[in-house]
Amino acid sequence: MIRFLTAPDLSRFPVLARSMFLDRTLQFRDRMGWPVRVDADGGERDEYDACSPIYVLWETPDGRHGGSLRLLATTGRVMVNEVFADLLPDGQISDPAIWECTRFCLAPGADGRVAAALMQAGGEIMRQNGVDHFIGVFDAPMVRVYSRLGSSPRILGRNGTGRGAIGVGLWAYDKAARAALEARSGIDGAQMTAWFLQSSLSRRRGFAAG
């Protein structure tokens, strides 16, 4: 199932939270070779985890992490403005209707249905909070992944060529994207809404990450 969690909520799901940070180490340090920071427990965390983000997590039947992403409002500190500003041709983004999506991570063995469910859940947060777009940075191979999922970004800027190219894009969540993600994930929109309404976020309408 999908969990919609604020940073304080993570303490209520210690197994889920710990396995998320461990899987982030496996993906970003071990598989992708990023120079990320790993804590004494082996989990990958960065300074933006301390900025009161929202986490969207796929919880497996045994309570562990199957996949996740992290959301922050661009009105606060975000990676796209502080780390990847060179990818923004029109300058930094600061808009309450645009949130940043980072640390998209899949556990070993997770399939495309989990990836689609995470993006579908991100779209549910957009619907519930009046967010028009997510902004995010991605490498070239992910363009095909997004296309297969039926949720491709509008590319704002790009550096590099070939598989090493890095881009920044905006995602909307229109009817076509919603239908494509529901079909790919196998999760009905009503079920996704029910999961959201079970979360602490549903009691904080208009909540802005960060």
Protein backbone atom coordinates (compact mmCIF):
# COMPACT_ATOMS: atom_id res chain seq x y z
CA MET A 1 0.00 0.00 0.00
CA ILE A 2 0.93 3.67 -0.28
CA ARG A 3 1.82 5.68 2.81
CA PHE A 4 1.72 9.48 2.76
CA LEU A 5 4.00 10.59 5.61
CA THR A 6 5.40 13.82 6.98
CA ALA A 7 8.88 13.74 8.47
CA PRO A 8 7.52 13.41 12.04
CA ASP A 9 5.31 10.51 10.89
CA LEU A 10 8.40 8.42 10.07
CA SER A 11 8.93 7.65 13.76
CA ARG A 12 5.61 5.76 13.78
CA PHE A 13 6.88 3.44 11.03
CA PRO A 14 10.47 2.63 12.06
CA VAL A 15 10.91 -0.45 9.87
CA LEU A 16 9.49 1.29 6.82
CA ALA A 17 11.57 4.43 7.39
CA ARG A 18 14.84 2.61 8.08
CA SER A 19 14.47 0.37 5.04
CA MET A 20 13.78 3.44 2.88
CA PHE A 21 17.03 5.12 3.88
CA LEU A 22 18.94 1.85 3.44
CA ASP A 23 17.47 1.36 -0.03
CA ARG A 24 18.40 4.93 -0.89
CA THR A 25 22.02 3.98 -0.10
CA LEU A 26 21.78 0.93 -2.36
CA GLN A 27 20.35 2.95 -5.23
CA PHE A 28 22.16 6.26 -5.10
CA ARG A 29 25.57 5.26 -3.75
CA ASP A 30 26.00 1.63 -4.71
CA ARG A 31 24.15 1.40 -8.03
CA MET A 32 24.41 4.94 -9.36
CA GLY A 33 27.72 5.97 -7.81
CA TRP A 34 26.54 9.31 -6.45
CA PRO A 35 28.75 10.93 -3.77
CA VAL A 36 25.99 10.86 -1.16
CA ARG A 37 26.28 10.93 2.62
CA VAL A 38 25.55 7.73 4.52
CA ASP A 39 24.89 7.76 8.26
CA ALA A 40 26.25 5.41 10.91
CA ASP A 41 23.27 3.08 10.40
CA GLY A 42 23.97 2.77 6.68
CA GLY A 43 21.11 4.98 5.52
CA GLU A 44 21.41 7.73 2.90
CA ARG A 45 20.17 11.07 4.19
CA ASP A 46 20.86 14.61 3.09
CA GLU A 47 20.18 18.10 4.39
CA TYR A 48 16.80 18.26 2.66
CA ASP A 49 15.49 15.43 4.82
CA ALA A 50 15.69 18.00 7.63
CA CYS A 51 13.46 20.50 5.74
CA SER A 52 10.11 18.95 6.73
CA PRO A 53 9.38 17.11 3.47
CA ILE A 54 6.49 14.85 2.59
CA TYR A 55 7.42 11.24 1.84
CA VAL A 56 5.38 9.00 -0.42
CA LEU A 57 6.24 5.35 0.24
CA TRP A 58 5.17 1.99 -1.09
CA GLU A 59 4.92 -0.32 1.93
CA THR A 60 5.33 -4.03 1.25
CA PRO A 61 3.21 -6.64 3.10
CA ASP A 62 6.01 -7.14 5.65
CA GLY A 63 6.11 -3.43 6.44
CA ARG A 64 9.27 -2.64 4.50
CA HIS A 65 10.10 -0.12 1.82
CA GLY A 66 9.21 -0.96 -1.77
CA GLY A 67 9.77 2.49 -3.24
CA SER A 68 9.53 6.15 -2.32
CA LEU A 69 9.88 9.78 -3.30
CA ARG A 70 10.28 13.05 -1.41
CA LEU A 71 8.39 16.32 -1.87
CA LEU A 72 9.21 19.89 -0.86
CA ALA A 73 7.57 23.19 -1.78
CA THR A 74 9.77 25.43 -3.93
CA THR A 75 8.98 28.35 -1.62
CA GLY A 76 11.53 26.83 0.76
CA ARG A 77 14.91 25.17 0.31
CA VAL A 78 15.00 22.77 -2.64
CA MET A 79 17.73 21.02 -4.57
CA VAL A 80 16.73 22.40 -7.95
CA ASN A 81 17.50 25.94 -6.77
CA GLU A 82 20.56 25.20 -4.66
CA VAL A 83 22.28 22.32 -6.44
CA PHE A 84 20.98 22.37 -10.02
CA ALA A 85 20.35 26.09 -10.60
CA ASP A 86 22.43 25.94 -13.79
CA LEU A 87 19.67 23.83 -15.36
CA LEU A 88 17.06 26.58 -14.92
CA PRO A 89 17.27 28.97 -17.89
CA ASP A 90 14.83 31.46 -16.36
CA GLY A 91 16.28 31.51 -12.86
CA GLN A 92 15.21 29.95 -9.60
CA ILE A 93 11.72 28.57 -9.01
CA SER A 94 9.69 29.82 -6.05
CA ASP A 95 5.99 29.12 -6.43
CA PRO A 96 3.51 27.62 -3.92
CA ALA A 97 1.88 25.75 -6.81
CA ILE A 98 5.15 24.01 -7.77
CA TRP A 99 6.69 21.38 -5.50
CA GLU A 100 9.99 19.59 -5.98
CA CYS A 101 10.16 15.81 -6.27
CA THR A 102 13.49 14.18 -5.35
CA ARG A 103 14.97 10.89 -4.15
CA PHE A 104 12.75 8.73 -6.34
CA CYS A 105 13.92 5.33 -5.16
CA LEU A 106 12.86 1.74 -5.85
CA ALA A 107 13.77 -1.17 -3.61
CA PRO A 108 15.67 -4.05 -5.22
CA GLY A 109 13.21 -6.18 -7.15
CA ALA A 110 10.47 -3.53 -7.33
CA ASP A 111 8.79 -3.35 -10.73
CA GLY A 112 7.17 -0.70 -12.90
CA ARG A 113 3.89 -0.98 -11.04
CA VAL A 114 5.54 0.43 -7.91
CA ALA A 115 7.07 3.31 -9.87
CA ALA A 116 3.68 4.10 -11.40
CA ALA A 117 1.97 3.91 -8.00
CA LEU A 118 4.45 6.40 -6.54
CA MET A 119 3.83 8.86 -9.36
CA GLN A 120 0.09 8.31 -9.08
CA ALA A 121 0.34 9.04 -5.34
CA GLY A 122 2.29 12.19 -6.09
CA GLY A 123 -0.55 13.22 -8.38
CA GLU A 124 -3.03 12.60 -5.56
CA ILE A 125 -1.09 15.03 -3.37
CA MET A 126 -1.23 17.56 -6.20
CA ARG A 127 -5.01 17.18 -6.43
CA GLN A 128 -5.53 17.45 -2.70
CA ASN A 129 -3.28 20.48 -2.18
CA GLY A 130 -3.88 22.62 -5.26
CA VAL A 131 -0.41 21.97 -6.65
CA ASP A 132 -0.13 22.52 -10.39
CA HIS A 133 3.27 20.95 -11.09
CA PHE A 134 6.11 18.95 -9.67
CA ILE A 135 9.62 19.90 -10.70
CA GLY A 136 12.48 17.44 -10.69
CA VAL A 137 15.93 16.65 -12.03
CA PHE A 138 16.53 13.41 -13.93
CA ASP A 139 19.17 11.69 -16.03
CA ALA A 140 18.68 10.78 -19.68
CA PRO A 141 17.68 7.09 -19.24
CA MET A 142 14.71 8.15 -17.10
CA VAL A 143 13.05 9.89 -20.06
CA ARG A 144 12.07 6.49 -21.48
CA VAL A 145 10.88 5.30 -18.09
CA TYR A 146 8.58 8.29 -17.70
CA SER A 147 7.27 7.77 -21.23
CA ARG A 148 6.42 4.11 -20.50
CA LEU A 149 4.62 5.14 -17.35
CA GLY A 150 2.57 7.70 -19.27
CA SER A 151 3.82 10.69 -17.28
CA SER A 152 6.48 12.59 -19.20
CA PRO A 153 7.76 15.99 -18.02
CA ARG A 154 8.01 19.24 -19.92
CA ILE A 155 11.75 19.74 -20.11
CA LEU A 156 12.93 23.16 -18.93
CA GLY A 157 16.68 22.74 -19.29
CA ARG A 158 19.38 20.18 -19.93
CA ASN A 159 23.14 19.78 -19.58
CA GLY A 160 25.35 17.17 -21.23
CA THR A 161 24.76 14.67 -24.00
CA GLY A 162 23.85 11.01 -24.38
CA ARG A 163 23.15 8.85 -21.34
CA GLY A 164 25.08 11.26 -19.14
CA ALA A 165 22.75 14.19 -19.84
CA ILE A 166 20.93 15.75 -16.89
CA GLY A 167 17.61 17.52 -17.32
CA VAL A 168 15.07 19.40 -15.25
CA GLY A 169 11.37 19.13 -16.02
CA LEU A 170 7.86 19.94 -14.90
CA TRP A 171 5.17 17.30 -14.40
CA ALA A 172 1.45 18.02 -14.51
CA TYR A 173 -1.27 15.60 -13.44
CA ASP A 174 -4.06 15.81 -15.98
CA LYS A 175 -6.76 13.25 -16.78
CA ALA A 176 -4.61 11.48 -19.34
CA ALA A 177 -1.66 11.09 -16.97
CA ARG A 178 -3.95 9.91 -14.18
CA ALA A 179 -5.57 7.26 -16.39
CA ALA A 180 -2.20 6.04 -17.69
CA LEU A 181 -0.71 5.73 -14.20
CA GLU A 182 -3.80 3.97 -12.83
CA ALA A 183 -3.63 1.48 -15.68
CA ARG A 184 0.09 0.87 -15.12
CA SER A 185 -0.09 0.60 -11.32
CA GLY A 186 -3.32 -1.38 -11.19
CA ILE A 187 -4.53 0.88 -8.37
CA ASP A 188 -7.94 2.51 -8.71
CA GLY A 189 -8.03 6.25 -8.11
CA ALA A 190 -10.61 5.81 -5.34
CA GLN A 191 -8.22 3.52 -3.47
CA MET A 192 -5.39 6.05 -3.76
CA THR A 193 -7.68 8.77 -2.41
CA ALA A 194 -8.68 6.50 0.49
CA TRP A 195 -5.03 5.97 1.39
CA PHE A 196 -4.48 9.71 1.35
CA LEU A 197 -7.51 10.32 3.56
CA GLN A 198 -6.09 7.86 6.11
CA SER A 199 -2.91 9.93 6.41
CA SER A 200 -2.13 12.86 8.66
CA LEU A 201 -1.90 15.04 5.55
CA SER A 202 -5.65 14.80 5.04
CA ARG A 203 -6.15 16.67 8.30
CA ARG A 204 -3.93 19.50 7.09
CA ARG A 205 -5.55 20.60 3.83
CA GLY A 206 -3.56 23.28 2.09
CA PHE A 207 -0.47 21.84 3.75
CA ALA A 208 2.70 23.07 2.03
CA ALA A 209 5.75 20.86 2.31
CA GLY A 210 8.70 22.64 3.82
